[in-house]
Amino acid sequence: MIEMIIPRGNDGFFHPDSEEQIIHLIEFARKAEKKVRARGATHSVAWSIYTNPAGGRPFNQTLEQSPPDGDDINIAFDKMRALTWVNEAAGIVEAEPGINLGYDPGDPFGVSTLENSFLHQIFEKGWAVDVLGGITHQTVAGFTLTGSAGGSVQYGWDGMIAFRIIDGNGNAEWIEKDHPDFNAVSTSMGLLGVITRIRFQLVPMYNIKGTEITTTTSGSGVPVDLFGTGNSDKPSLEQYLKATPYTRIVWWPQKGVERIQIWQAKRVDHSDKGLKPYLQFTPDLGGQTLQILGSMTFILLGNTNPFRELRLIARNIPHYMSNLWRLARGWVQRIFYLMLGALVSALTLAVGTFFAVLQGLARAIFPTLLSLFQPLTKPGQETRFHDYYWRSLCMDNTVDDVFLGTEFTEIWVPIGEARRVMNLYQSMFETDGPTATGYFSTEVYAGPPSSAWMHPGYTDGQDAYKDGSVRFDVYWFRANKETPNIDEGFFGQYWNLLKENGVPFRLHWGKFVPRYDFPQWAVHYRENLPRFDDFLAVRQRRDPDGIFFTRYWRERLTGGV
């Protein structure tokens, strides 16, 4: 047995600062028959990130900051966050695994800032990436290895040109684009080894300009034919997604609500003038108040125990007051914020108590409640924005994860199936009502084709995914009591409807995937990812002792074998 030369931190993590220390941890794990996993910013579900759960930790949801109990090795990269310019003139840069895309407000290690983020550092040198997801809190490595993407067919997260990896044999090497394992490593979920650096080819800096509107799902004011084939005045969903550089549609299908919010943008030349950032919630008293009220509403809609509802509502108040204190500028504004904040907190508790006692009332008036938070856009009053791409392409960055914590399953379908799937889901909503729609929204947006074997947009250039994907993010409010991905859980009806109708689909590996019938779902993954077995073969070669292959991944990829 080799001795540990790097201590485990009081937080349960190992905090290496070099490749040599990572190699040591891997060698120790092989000798001691322990598992090894590395965390990013915890925006994937916890069991997919960490070693096997132990001692009731962690619960399987996103943003779980602590590793499980036990002697397995969970790595945090707060000491490996460097960005190094390989060729500044050509826009080639290398990033260590712990660097965040942007500022991470939930960073438990206290090292993330806007200024030391990946996006801000390359922005200062005049460079950019092609696309971003809804937030930029993730680490560069975590975002990459889970097959994440932004809302675009035209642009993908595909600027990676090499990976530095330490595999389960303790070997460190560069995997460049011409290496036969490159497309296995690109979306590998940490199952082939520990990534210590990623080399990127960047693109010149640009701004985005766009609009956001809220409309009904059908009628003359809707710019997209969501359920039809489109016409000369109104494109079909497939046509719209292909033609629009960046977009996402938030769909509220509930009876009496039936509306969509369309965010769309295009690239424009880089400029520092005339900027108007997109802000889903303003960083002030008003924005925080909207979010705590929204949180109260979703707590009441997603739970049925009055005591649980009141406990969850009350839990938000210290966070609300803390946010107001942090956002206020100067003592006058701080006192003003705290006085109004105390009043809002008291009203929130009073209103919450009223609705909690009168169970069912919040659900009965849900269409009215949503209209207050998501009103239809009047002609000529759409939200307009023009900003740096890194600040406004990530349209959800101002959403507070405590107030509006959201889990989801992300379903990738060939874009040619967009119309059929929209109509299948619409029919399910009309037939099954709240059981199918729930009381949250579904995000509909595009996904790019990818050459990475385990990427949900994988294509060989000849198949149905070659033109891109339509993605359905089925939302689940984190404070809801039930578990949405168990047998007969909320997400299952969305997956099963596609299976029953022969619609091909793949799932984002970092989000909720089925937690039942593992052998059957392993067959589904294999049938829908042509290079699935090739990936498992590379995995076996690079990790013969299975130190990265936790029970979670073994169950899902092999059915538990």
Protein backbone atom coordinates (compact mmCIF):
# COMPACT_ATOMS: atom_id res chain seq x y z
CA MET A 1 0.00 0.00 0.00
CA ILE A 2 1.36 3.42 -0.93
CA GLU A 3 0.98 6.27 1.52
CA MET A 4 -1.11 9.35 0.86
CA ILE A 5 1.07 12.42 0.29
CA ILE A 6 -1.86 14.83 -0.13
CA PRO A 7 -4.33 15.17 2.77
CA ARG A 8 -8.08 15.02 2.54
CA GLY A 9 -9.57 18.44 3.34
CA ASN A 10 -11.99 19.07 6.18
CA ASP A 11 -14.68 19.46 3.48
CA GLY A 12 -14.16 15.83 2.38
CA PHE A 13 -12.36 16.73 -0.86
CA PHE A 14 -8.80 16.29 -2.00
CA HIS A 15 -7.43 19.55 -3.38
CA PRO A 16 -4.52 18.77 -5.71
CA ASP A 17 -2.44 21.57 -7.21
CA SER A 18 -0.52 19.55 -9.81
CA GLU A 19 -0.71 16.60 -12.17
CA GLU A 20 1.77 14.76 -9.97
CA GLN A 21 -0.64 14.88 -7.04
CA ILE A 22 -3.53 13.64 -9.22
CA ILE A 23 -1.41 10.74 -10.46
CA HIS A 24 -0.63 9.90 -6.84
CA LEU A 25 -4.34 9.88 -5.94
CA ILE A 26 -5.12 7.61 -8.89
CA GLU A 27 -2.30 5.21 -8.00
CA PHE A 28 -3.49 5.12 -4.40
CA ALA A 29 -7.06 4.40 -5.53
CA ARG A 30 -5.93 1.51 -7.71
CA LYS A 31 -3.93 -0.07 -4.89
CA ALA A 32 -6.65 0.49 -2.28
CA GLU A 33 -9.54 -0.40 -4.64
CA LYS A 34 -11.19 2.99 -4.17
CA LYS A 35 -13.21 5.12 -6.56
CA VAL A 36 -12.05 8.49 -7.92
CA ARG A 37 -14.27 11.29 -9.17
CA ALA A 38 -13.72 15.02 -9.79
CA ARG A 39 -16.29 17.77 -9.30
CA GLY A 40 -16.82 20.95 -11.27
CA ALA A 41 -19.48 23.44 -10.16
CA THR A 42 -22.07 20.73 -9.31
CA HIS A 43 -24.55 21.62 -12.07
CA SER A 44 -24.98 17.93 -12.85
CA VAL A 45 -26.95 15.60 -10.58
CA ALA A 46 -24.85 14.61 -7.58
CA TRP A 47 -24.62 10.85 -8.15
CA SER A 48 -23.22 11.45 -11.63
CA ILE A 49 -20.48 13.66 -10.15
CA TYR A 50 -19.28 11.98 -6.97
CA THR A 51 -18.18 8.54 -5.85
CA ASN A 52 -20.83 6.12 -4.61
CA PRO A 53 -23.32 7.66 -2.14
CA ALA A 54 -22.66 6.79 1.50
CA GLY A 55 -24.13 7.72 4.84
CA GLY A 56 -27.18 9.23 3.15
CA ARG A 57 -25.01 11.74 1.26
CA PRO A 58 -25.42 13.26 -1.18
CA PHE A 59 -29.05 13.55 -2.23
CA ASN A 60 -29.31 13.10 -5.99
CA GLN A 61 -29.93 16.63 -7.18
CA THR A 62 -27.85 19.41 -8.65
CA LEU A 63 -25.82 21.90 -6.58
CA GLU A 64 -24.93 19.31 -3.93
CA GLN A 65 -21.68 20.79 -2.65
CA SER A 66 -20.46 18.04 -0.30
CA PRO A 67 -19.10 14.63 -1.31
CA PRO A 68 -20.32 11.36 0.20
CA ASP A 69 -18.88 9.97 3.40
CA GLY A 70 -16.29 7.20 3.21
CA ASP A 71 -12.76 6.57 1.98
CA ASP A 72 -13.25 7.09 -1.76
CA ILE A 73 -11.47 9.99 -3.44
CA ASN A 74 -13.44 13.05 -4.50
CA ILE A 75 -11.36 15.79 -6.10
CA ALA A 76 -12.01 19.54 -6.16
CA PHE A 77 -10.01 21.76 -8.52
CA ASP A 78 -10.05 25.07 -6.65
CA LYS A 79 -6.22 25.05 -6.83
CA MET A 80 -6.10 24.25 -10.56
CA ARG A 81 -7.80 27.19 -12.25
CA ALA A 82 -5.12 28.68 -14.49
CA LEU A 83 -5.65 30.00 -17.98
CA THR A 84 -2.55 29.99 -20.20
CA TRP A 85 -2.16 31.58 -23.62
CA VAL A 86 -0.51 29.20 -26.07
CA ASN A 87 -0.76 31.67 -28.95
CA GLU A 88 -2.58 34.89 -28.10
CA ALA A 89 -2.40 36.23 -31.66
CA ALA A 90 -4.14 33.10 -32.98
CA GLY A 91 -6.60 32.75 -30.10
CA ILE A 92 -5.29 29.44 -28.73
CA VAL A 93 -5.57 29.04 -24.98
CA GLU A 94 -5.37 26.28 -22.37
CA ALA A 95 -7.65 26.10 -19.33
CA GLU A 96 -7.19 24.05 -16.19
CA PRO A 97 -10.25 22.07 -15.03
CA GLY A 98 -11.29 24.25 -12.07
CA ILE A 99 -11.71 27.53 -13.92
CA ASN A 100 -15.34 28.65 -14.16
CA LEU A 101 -16.82 29.92 -17.38
CA GLY A 102 -18.08 33.01 -15.55
CA TYR A 103 -18.58 33.97 -11.92
CA ASP A 104 -20.00 31.16 -9.81
CA PRO A 105 -22.11 32.64 -6.97
CA GLY A 106 -22.35 29.22 -5.32
CA ASP A 107 -18.61 28.52 -5.23
CA PRO A 108 -18.00 26.95 -1.78
CA PHE A 109 -14.24 27.53 -2.00
CA GLY A 110 -14.50 31.29 -2.38
CA VAL A 111 -12.12 31.54 -5.33
CA SER A 112 -14.45 32.32 -8.24
CA THR A 113 -14.71 35.92 -9.45
CA LEU A 114 -15.79 37.50 -12.69
CA GLU A 115 -12.26 38.74 -13.31
CA ASN A 116 -10.60 35.30 -12.99
CA SER A 117 -13.25 33.53 -15.08
CA PHE A 118 -12.47 31.93 -18.43
CA LEU A 119 -14.87 34.14 -20.41
CA HIS A 120 -13.74 37.43 -18.92
CA GLN A 121 -10.05 36.68 -19.39
CA ILE A 122 -10.44 35.81 -23.07
CA PHE A 123 -12.79 38.82 -23.54
CA GLU A 124 -10.05 41.13 -22.30
CA LYS A 125 -7.80 39.80 -25.07
CA GLY A 126 -10.48 40.20 -27.76
CA TRP A 127 -11.49 36.56 -28.03
CA ALA A 128 -14.72 34.59 -27.53
CA VAL A 129 -16.40 31.19 -27.80
CA ASP A 130 -19.18 30.36 -30.23
CA VAL A 131 -21.97 29.59 -27.78
CA LEU A 132 -22.93 29.48 -24.10
CA GLY A 133 -25.59 27.72 -22.09
CA GLY A 134 -28.23 29.44 -19.98
CA ILE A 135 -25.74 30.11 -17.19
CA THR A 136 -21.95 30.48 -16.92
CA HIS A 137 -21.42 29.22 -13.37
CA GLN A 138 -20.03 25.86 -14.53
CA THR A 139 -16.39 24.93 -14.79
CA VAL A 140 -14.99 24.67 -18.29
CA ALA A 141 -14.23 20.97 -17.83
CA GLY A 142 -17.64 20.13 -16.37
CA PHE A 143 -19.53 21.94 -19.12
CA THR A 144 -17.46 20.23 -21.80
CA LEU A 145 -17.37 16.64 -20.55
CA THR A 146 -21.15 16.36 -20.02
CA GLY A 147 -21.97 17.33 -23.63
CA SER A 148 -23.53 20.67 -22.73
CA ALA A 149 -24.59 23.13 -25.41
CA GLY A 150 -26.27 26.46 -26.06
CA GLY A 151 -29.49 27.23 -27.89
CA SER A 152 -28.27 27.02 -31.46
CA VAL A 153 -28.02 24.70 -34.44
CA GLN A 154 -25.50 26.97 -36.13
CA TYR A 155 -23.04 27.20 -33.22
CA GLY A 156 -21.79 24.46 -30.91
CA TRP A 157 -19.43 24.12 -27.96
CA ASP A 158 -16.80 22.60 -30.23
CA GLY A 159 -13.74 24.83 -29.89
CA MET A 160 -11.76 22.12 -28.05
CA ILE A 161 -8.65 21.03 -29.97
CA ALA A 162 -6.87 18.95 -27.31
CA PHE A 163 -7.38 17.39 -23.88
CA ARG A 164 -4.74 16.65 -21.27
CA ILE A 165 -5.92 13.51 -19.45
CA ILE A 166 -4.65 11.27 -16.67
CA ASP A 167 -6.32 7.90 -17.13
CA GLY A 168 -6.99 5.09 -14.69
CA ASN A 169 -3.56 3.60 -15.41
CA GLY A 170 -1.93 6.78 -14.10
CA ASN A 171 -0.76 7.80 -17.57
CA ALA A 172 -0.84 11.50 -18.51
CA GLU A 173 -1.01 12.46 -22.18
CA TRP A 174 -2.40 14.98 -24.63
CA ILE A 175 -5.32 13.79 -26.76
CA GLU A 176 -5.36 15.99 -29.86
CA LYS A 177 -7.96 16.08 -32.63
CA ASP A 178 -6.19 13.50 -34.76
CA HIS A 179 -5.97 11.03 -31.85
CA PRO A 180 -8.36 8.05 -32.22
CA ASP A 181 -9.71 8.65 -28.68
CA PHE A 182 -10.46 12.37 -29.13
CA ASN A 183 -14.20 11.93 -29.77
CA ALA A 184 -14.45 9.52 -26.85
CA VAL A 185 -12.79 11.96 -24.44
CA SER A 186 -14.79 15.00 -25.63
CA THR A 187 -17.98 13.86 -23.88
CA SER A 188 -16.74 11.35 -21.34
CA MET A 189 -18.34 12.36 -18.01
CA GLY A 190 -15.05 11.73 -16.20
CA LEU A 191 -15.24 8.02 -17.04
CA LEU A 192 -11.97 7.83 -18.99
CA GLY A 193 -9.78 9.80 -16.62
CA VAL A 194 -9.17 13.14 -14.98
CA ILE A 195 -8.88 16.10 -17.35
CA THR A 196 -6.16 18.51 -16.26
CA ARG A 197 -6.19 20.95 -19.18
CA ILE A 198 -8.30 21.70 -22.25
CA ARG A 199 -6.86 23.53 -25.26
CA PHE A 200 -9.29 25.77 -27.17
CA GLN A 201 -9.31 27.50 -30.52
CA LEU A 202 -11.22 30.72 -29.82
CA VAL A 203 -13.15 33.01 -32.17
CA PRO A 204 -13.01 36.82 -32.43
CA MET A 205 -15.04 38.76 -29.87
CA TYR A 206 -18.62 39.70 -30.86
CA ASN A 207 -21.77 41.22 -29.40
CA ILE A 208 -25.32 39.93 -29.64
CA LYS A 209 -28.50 41.85 -30.35
CA GLY A 210 -31.95 40.44 -29.79
CA THR A 211 -35.49 40.53 -28.43
CA GLU A 212 -37.76 38.68 -26.05
CA ILE A 213 -41.54 38.46 -26.29
CA THR A 214 -44.33 36.51 -24.62
CA THR A 215 -47.25 35.40 -26.79
CA THR A 216 -50.00 32.82 -26.89
CA THR A 217 -49.09 29.46 -28.43
CA SER A 218 -51.17 30.09 -31.53
CA GLY A 219 -52.72 33.01 -33.39
CA SER A 220 -51.61 35.90 -35.51
CA GLY A 221 -49.19 37.35 -32.98
CA VAL A 222 -47.06 34.20 -32.70
CA PRO A 223 -43.92 34.39 -34.87
CA VAL A 224 -43.50 30.58 -35.06
CA ASP A 225 -45.88 27.86 -36.19
CA LEU A 226 -45.23 25.57 -33.23
CA PHE A 227 -47.42 22.67 -34.34
CA GLY A 228 -47.69 23.01 -38.12
CA THR A 229 -45.63 23.00 -41.30
CA GLY A 230 -45.27 26.77 -41.48
CA ASN A 231 -45.95 29.11 -44.39
CA SER A 232 -44.42 32.12 -46.14
CA ASP A 233 -45.30 34.41 -43.20
CA LYS A 234 -44.59 32.10 -40.30
CA PRO A 235 -41.86 29.41 -40.21
CA SER A 236 -42.36 25.99 -38.71
CA LEU A 237 -40.50 25.25 -35.50
CA GLU A 238 -37.84 23.34 -37.41
CA GLN A 239 -37.38 26.17 -39.90
CA TYR A 240 -37.24 28.76 -37.13
CA LEU A 241 -34.63 26.88 -35.10
CA LYS A 242 -32.42 26.36 -38.13
CA ALA A 243 -32.62 29.98 -39.26
CA THR A 244 -32.21 31.73 -35.90
CA PRO A 245 -28.60 31.95 -34.64
CA TYR A 246 -29.49 31.84 -30.93
CA THR A 247 -32.91 31.21 -29.44
CA ARG A 248 -34.95 29.46 -26.81
CA ILE A 249 -38.69 29.05 -26.29
CA VAL A 250 -40.17 28.65 -22.81
CA TRP A 251 -43.50 26.83 -23.17
CA TRP A 252 -46.27 27.07 -20.58
CA PRO A 253 -48.83 24.52 -21.88
CA GLN A 254 -51.25 24.48 -18.93
CA LYS A 255 -54.95 24.99 -19.69
CA GLY A 256 -55.85 28.65 -19.33
CA VAL A 257 -52.20 29.67 -19.66
CA GLU A 258 -51.07 28.42 -23.10
CA ARG A 259 -48.25 30.85 -23.78
CA ILE A 260 -44.62 30.92 -24.83
CA GLN A 261 -41.71 33.25 -24.18
CA ILE A 262 -39.35 33.56 -27.15
CA TRP A 263 -35.80 34.82 -26.63
CA GLN A 264 -33.76 35.24 -29.80
CA ALA A 265 -30.50 36.91 -30.78
CA LYS A 266 -27.97 37.28 -33.58
CA ARG A 267 -24.32 38.24 -33.73
CA VAL A 268 -23.25 41.82 -34.38
CA ASP A 269 -19.85 43.48 -34.40
CA HIS A 270 -18.05 43.91 -31.12
CA SER A 271 -18.71 47.32 -29.61
CA ASP A 272 -18.49 48.91 -26.17
CA LYS A 273 -21.17 51.49 -26.98
CA GLY A 274 -24.96 51.43 -26.78
CA LEU A 275 -24.99 48.36 -24.56
CA LYS A 276 -28.19 47.17 -22.92
CA PRO A 277 -27.72 43.82 -21.16
CA TYR A 278 -30.44 41.19 -21.05
CA LEU A 279 -31.58 40.71 -17.46
CA GLN A 280 -34.20 38.11 -16.66
CA PHE A 281 -34.28 39.56 -13.15
CA THR A 282 -32.75 42.91 -12.26
CA PRO A 283 -30.06 42.81 -9.52
CA ASP A 284 -31.99 45.00 -7.10
CA LEU A 285 -34.91 45.04 -4.68
CA GLY A 286 -37.44 44.53 -7.47
CA GLY A 287 -35.67 41.56 -8.99
CA GLN A 288 -35.17 39.84 -5.65
CA THR A 289 -38.78 40.45 -4.65
CA LEU A 290 -40.11 38.92 -7.87
CA GLN A 291 -38.00 35.83 -7.23
CA ILE A 292 -39.04 35.27 -3.62
CA LEU A 293 -42.70 35.69 -4.64
CA GLY A 294 -42.17 33.31 -7.56
CA SER A 295 -40.54 30.81 -5.23
CA MET A 296 -43.49 31.01 -2.83
CA THR A 297 -45.88 30.37 -5.72
CA PHE A 298 -44.04 27.28 -6.98
CA ILE A 299 -43.68 25.91 -3.44
CA LEU A 300 -47.45 26.13 -3.00
CA LEU A 301 -48.09 24.58 -6.41
CA GLY A 302 -45.66 21.68 -6.03
CA ASN A 303 -46.43 20.55 -2.49
CA THR A 304 -49.50 19.49 -0.53
CA ASN A 305 -48.32 19.51 3.09
CA PRO A 306 -48.98 22.94 4.69
CA PHE A 307 -46.18 22.55 7.24
CA ARG A 308 -43.66 21.67 4.55
CA GLU A 309 -44.81 24.60 2.44
CA LEU A 310 -44.44 27.09 5.27
CA ARG A 311 -41.04 25.71 6.23
CA LEU A 312 -39.79 26.11 2.65
CA ILE A 313 -41.22 29.62 2.35
CA ALA A 314 -39.67 30.68 5.66
CA ARG A 315 -36.31 29.26 4.59
CA ASN A 316 -36.17 31.80 1.76
CA ILE A 317 -36.42 34.87 3.99
CA PRO A 318 -32.85 34.94 5.41
CA HIS A 319 -31.53 34.43 1.89
CA TYR A 320 -33.72 37.27 0.59
CA MET A 321 -32.54 39.68 3.27
CA SER A 322 -28.91 38.66 2.74
CA ASN A 323 -29.21 39.32 -0.99
CA LEU A 324 -30.71 42.76 -0.37
CA TRP A 325 -27.87 43.63 2.00
CA ARG A 326 -25.31 42.55 -0.60
CA LEU A 327 -26.96 44.41 -3.50
CA ALA A 328 -27.58 47.71 -1.72
CA ARG A 329 -25.16 50.56 -2.37
CA GLY A 330 -24.50 52.81 0.63
CA TRP A 331 -26.17 52.97 4.01
CA VAL A 332 -29.24 54.93 2.89
CA GLN A 333 -30.15 52.37 0.24
CA ARG A 334 -29.25 49.52 2.57
CA ILE A 335 -31.65 50.75 5.27
CA PHE A 336 -34.35 51.34 2.64
CA TYR A 337 -33.89 47.84 1.19
CA LEU A 338 -33.99 46.20 4.59
CA MET A 339 -37.13 48.04 5.68
CA LEU A 340 -38.99 47.13 2.49
CA GLY A 341 -37.48 43.66 2.59
CA ALA A 342 -38.86 43.08 6.07
CA LEU A 343 -42.30 44.17 4.89
CA VAL A 344 -42.13 41.87 1.84
CA SER A 345 -40.99 38.99 4.05
CA ALA A 346 -43.92 39.47 6.41
CA LEU A 347 -46.38 39.64 3.51
CA THR A 348 -44.83 36.54 1.92
CA LEU A 349 -45.33 34.57 5.12
CA ALA A 350 -48.87 35.85 5.53
CA VAL A 351 -49.89 35.10 1.94
CA GLY A 352 -48.08 31.76 2.06
CA THR A 353 -49.92 30.79 5.22
CA PHE A 354 -53.27 31.73 3.67
CA PHE A 355 -52.71 29.58 0.58
CA ALA A 356 -51.13 26.72 2.54
CA VAL A 357 -54.19 26.47 4.77
CA LEU A 358 -56.55 26.63 1.80
CA GLN A 359 -54.98 23.70 -0.03
CA GLY A 360 -55.71 23.64 -3.76
CA LEU A 361 -56.48 27.35 -4.09
CA ALA A 362 -53.08 28.21 -5.60
CA ARG A 363 -53.54 25.52 -8.26
CA ALA A 364 -57.06 26.71 -9.01
CA ILE A 365 -55.88 30.24 -9.75
CA PHE A 366 -52.58 29.21 -11.38
CA PRO A 367 -53.40 30.81 -14.78
CA THR A 368 -54.00 34.15 -13.05
CA LEU A 369 -50.84 33.84 -10.97
CA LEU A 370 -48.70 33.06 -13.98
CA SER A 371 -50.15 35.97 -15.91
CA LEU A 372 -48.83 38.26 -13.20
CA PHE A 373 -45.31 36.91 -13.57
CA GLN A 374 -45.40 36.23 -17.31
CA PRO A 375 -47.71 38.80 -18.96
CA LEU A 376 -48.28 38.79 -22.71
CA THR A 377 -46.16 41.29 -24.60
CA LYS A 378 -48.07 44.21 -26.09
CA PRO A 379 -47.29 45.23 -29.69
CA GLY A 380 -44.13 47.31 -29.88
CA GLN A 381 -43.15 46.59 -26.26
CA GLU A 382 -40.84 43.62 -26.68
CA THR A 383 -37.70 43.49 -24.55
CA ARG A 384 -34.66 44.55 -26.58
CA PHE A 385 -31.03 44.01 -25.71
CA HIS A 386 -27.58 44.61 -27.19
CA ASP A 387 -24.60 43.41 -25.21
CA TYR A 388 -21.34 41.48 -25.01
CA TYR A 389 -22.10 37.84 -25.82
CA TRP A 390 -20.61 36.57 -22.52
CA ARG A 391 -22.97 38.72 -20.45
CA SER A 392 -26.31 38.23 -22.21
CA LEU A 393 -26.12 34.98 -24.19
CA CYS A 394 -26.39 33.25 -20.80
CA MET A 395 -29.95 34.46 -20.25
CA ASP A 396 -30.51 32.69 -16.89
CA ASN A 397 -27.49 34.06 -15.02
CA THR A 398 -29.59 36.39 -12.86
CA VAL A 399 -31.90 33.59 -11.66
CA ASP A 400 -31.29 32.77 -7.99
CA ASP A 401 -30.76 29.03 -7.44
CA VAL A 402 -32.17 29.16 -3.91
CA PHE A 403 -35.42 30.87 -4.86
CA LEU A 404 -36.01 29.24 -8.24
CA GLY A 405 -33.89 26.10 -8.11
CA THR A 406 -34.74 24.01 -11.14
CA GLU A 407 -34.02 20.42 -12.07
CA PHE A 408 -34.78 19.00 -15.49
CA THR A 409 -34.38 16.21 -17.95
CA GLU A 410 -32.96 17.29 -21.29
CA ILE A 411 -34.29 15.34 -24.28
CA TRP A 412 -32.50 15.61 -27.64
CA VAL A 413 -34.57 14.69 -30.71
CA PRO A 414 -33.51 14.97 -34.39
CA ILE A 415 -34.66 18.39 -35.55
CA GLY A 416 -36.69 16.83 -38.35
CA GLU A 417 -38.97 15.34 -35.67
CA ALA A 418 -39.75 18.74 -34.09
CA ARG A 419 -43.31 19.04 -35.40
CA ARG A 420 -44.24 15.45 -34.52
CA VAL A 421 -42.91 15.72 -30.96
CA MET A 422 -44.61 19.07 -30.34
CA ASN A 423 -47.92 17.57 -31.37
CA LEU A 424 -47.39 14.41 -29.33
CA TYR A 425 -46.68 16.46 -26.21
CA GLN A 426 -49.54 18.87 -26.90
CA SER A 427 -51.94 15.94 -27.23
CA MET A 428 -50.63 14.50 -23.95
CA PHE A 429 -51.16 17.85 -22.23
CA GLU A 430 -54.72 18.17 -23.52
CA THR A 431 -55.60 14.60 -22.51
CA ASP A 432 -53.90 14.32 -19.12
CA GLY A 433 -54.02 17.95 -17.92
CA PRO A 434 -51.99 18.89 -14.81
CA THR A 435 -50.66 15.34 -14.47
CA ALA A 436 -48.76 15.90 -17.71
CA THR A 437 -48.09 19.63 -17.65
CA GLY A 438 -47.28 20.08 -13.98
CA TYR A 439 -47.01 23.69 -12.84
CA PHE A 440 -43.70 24.63 -14.41
CA SER A 441 -42.55 25.19 -17.98
CA THR A 442 -40.76 23.24 -20.69
CA GLU A 443 -37.86 24.80 -22.56
CA VAL A 444 -37.73 24.14 -26.30
CA TYR A 445 -34.57 25.03 -28.17
CA ALA A 446 -31.99 23.87 -30.67
CA GLY A 447 -28.95 21.65 -30.33
CA PRO A 448 -25.96 21.39 -32.67
CA PRO A 449 -24.58 18.27 -34.33
CA SER A 450 -21.46 16.84 -32.70
CA SER A 451 -18.75 14.32 -33.51
CA ALA A 452 -18.29 13.31 -29.84
CA TRP A 453 -19.43 9.71 -29.46
CA MET A 454 -21.47 10.12 -26.27
CA HIS A 455 -22.74 13.63 -27.02
CA PRO A 456 -26.56 13.70 -27.32
CA GLY A 457 -26.11 15.47 -30.67
CA TYR A 458 -23.69 12.88 -32.07
CA THR A 459 -23.84 12.35 -35.83
CA ASP A 460 -21.76 10.55 -38.42
CA GLY A 461 -22.92 13.10 -41.00
CA GLN A 462 -25.41 10.74 -42.59
CA ASP A 463 -28.03 10.14 -39.90
CA ALA A 464 -31.11 11.97 -38.60
CA TYR A 465 -29.02 14.15 -36.26
CA LYS A 466 -26.83 15.61 -39.01
CA ASP A 467 -28.95 18.79 -39.24
CA GLY A 468 -29.07 19.31 -35.49
CA SER A 469 -31.57 18.60 -32.74
CA VAL A 470 -34.58 20.06 -31.03
CA ARG A 471 -34.18 19.87 -27.26
CA PHE A 472 -36.93 19.61 -24.66
CA ASP A 473 -35.92 20.61 -21.14
CA VAL A 474 -38.77 19.46 -18.92
CA TYR A 475 -38.50 21.55 -15.76
CA TRP A 476 -39.05 20.38 -12.19
CA PHE A 477 -39.05 22.80 -9.25
CA ARG A 478 -36.36 21.59 -6.84
CA ALA A 479 -38.52 22.13 -3.73
CA ASN A 480 -41.19 19.71 -4.96
CA LYS A 481 -41.39 16.71 -2.66
CA GLU A 482 -41.50 13.89 -5.24
CA THR A 483 -38.61 12.41 -7.21
CA PRO A 484 -39.30 12.99 -10.91
CA ASN A 485 -37.12 10.28 -12.52
CA ILE A 486 -38.24 7.18 -10.61
CA ASP A 487 -40.65 4.62 -12.07
CA GLU A 488 -43.96 6.41 -12.75
CA GLY A 489 -42.32 9.71 -11.87
CA PHE A 490 -43.14 12.96 -13.67
CA PHE A 491 -40.40 12.72 -16.32
CA GLY A 492 -41.26 9.16 -17.32
CA GLN A 493 -44.34 10.16 -19.32
CA TYR A 494 -42.20 12.39 -21.54
CA TRP A 495 -39.65 9.64 -22.22
CA ASN A 496 -42.25 6.89 -22.63
CA LEU A 497 -44.37 8.86 -25.10
CA LEU A 498 -41.41 9.12 -27.47
CA LYS A 499 -40.51 5.45 -27.05
CA GLU A 500 -44.10 4.36 -27.68
CA ASN A 501 -44.22 6.38 -30.91
CA GLY A 502 -40.84 5.31 -32.23
CA VAL A 503 -39.24 8.74 -31.92
CA PRO A 504 -35.44 8.53 -31.51
CA PHE A 505 -34.09 10.52 -28.58
CA ARG A 506 -31.07 10.90 -26.36
CA LEU A 507 -30.61 12.41 -22.91
CA HIS A 508 -28.13 14.92 -21.50
CA TRP A 509 -25.86 12.91 -19.18
CA GLY A 510 -25.58 15.56 -16.47
CA LYS A 511 -29.33 15.99 -15.98
CA PHE A 512 -32.03 13.61 -14.80
CA VAL A 513 -32.08 10.27 -16.61
CA PRO A 514 -34.25 7.26 -15.67
CA ARG A 515 -33.71 5.74 -12.24
CA TYR A 516 -35.47 2.48 -13.03
CA ASP A 517 -35.35 -0.43 -15.51
CA PHE A 518 -31.59 0.03 -15.89
CA PRO A 519 -31.06 -2.92 -18.31
CA GLN A 520 -33.78 -1.63 -20.65
CA TRP A 521 -32.46 1.92 -20.61
CA ALA A 522 -28.90 0.71 -21.23
CA VAL A 523 -30.23 -0.96 -24.38
CA HIS A 524 -31.93 2.31 -25.35
CA TYR A 525 -28.71 4.29 -24.96
CA ARG A 526 -26.78 1.72 -27.01
CA GLU A 527 -29.39 1.70 -29.79
CA ASN A 528 -29.47 5.50 -30.00
CA LEU A 529 -25.72 6.17 -29.80
CA PRO A 530 -23.93 4.30 -32.61
CA ARG A 531 -20.48 4.61 -30.97
CA PHE A 532 -21.70 3.56 -27.52
CA ASP A 533 -19.83 0.24 -27.49
CA ASP A 534 -16.71 1.91 -28.89
CA PHE A 535 -16.82 4.33 -25.96
CA LEU A 536 -17.15 1.50 -23.44
CA ALA A 537 -14.17 -0.24 -25.05
CA VAL A 538 -12.04 2.89 -24.67
CA ARG A 539 -13.30 3.22 -21.12
CA GLN A 540 -12.23 -0.32 -20.29
CA ARG A 541 -8.78 0.24 -21.83
CA ARG A 542 -8.19 3.53 -20.04
CA ASP A 543 -9.69 2.44 -16.71
CA PRO A 544 -9.26 -1.35 -16.43
CA ASP A 545 -9.72 -1.31 -12.66
CA GLY A 546 -12.93 0.71 -12.87
CA ILE A 547 -11.82 3.41 -10.45
CA PHE A 548 -13.91 6.06 -12.25
CA PHE A 549 -16.85 3.71 -12.96
CA THR A 550 -19.17 4.26 -10.00
CA ARG A 551 -22.35 2.32 -9.34
CA TYR A 552 -24.39 5.16 -10.85
CA TRP A 553 -22.63 4.91 -14.20
CA ARG A 554 -22.38 1.13 -14.21
CA GLU A 555 -26.13 0.82 -13.71
CA ARG A 556 -26.95 3.28 -16.46
CA LEU A 557 -24.44 2.28 -19.10
CA THR A 558 -24.38 -1.48 -18.59
CA GLY A 559 -27.65 -2.13 -16.78
CA GLY A 560 -25.73 -2.88 -13.59
CA VAL A 561 -23.39 -5.53 -15.00
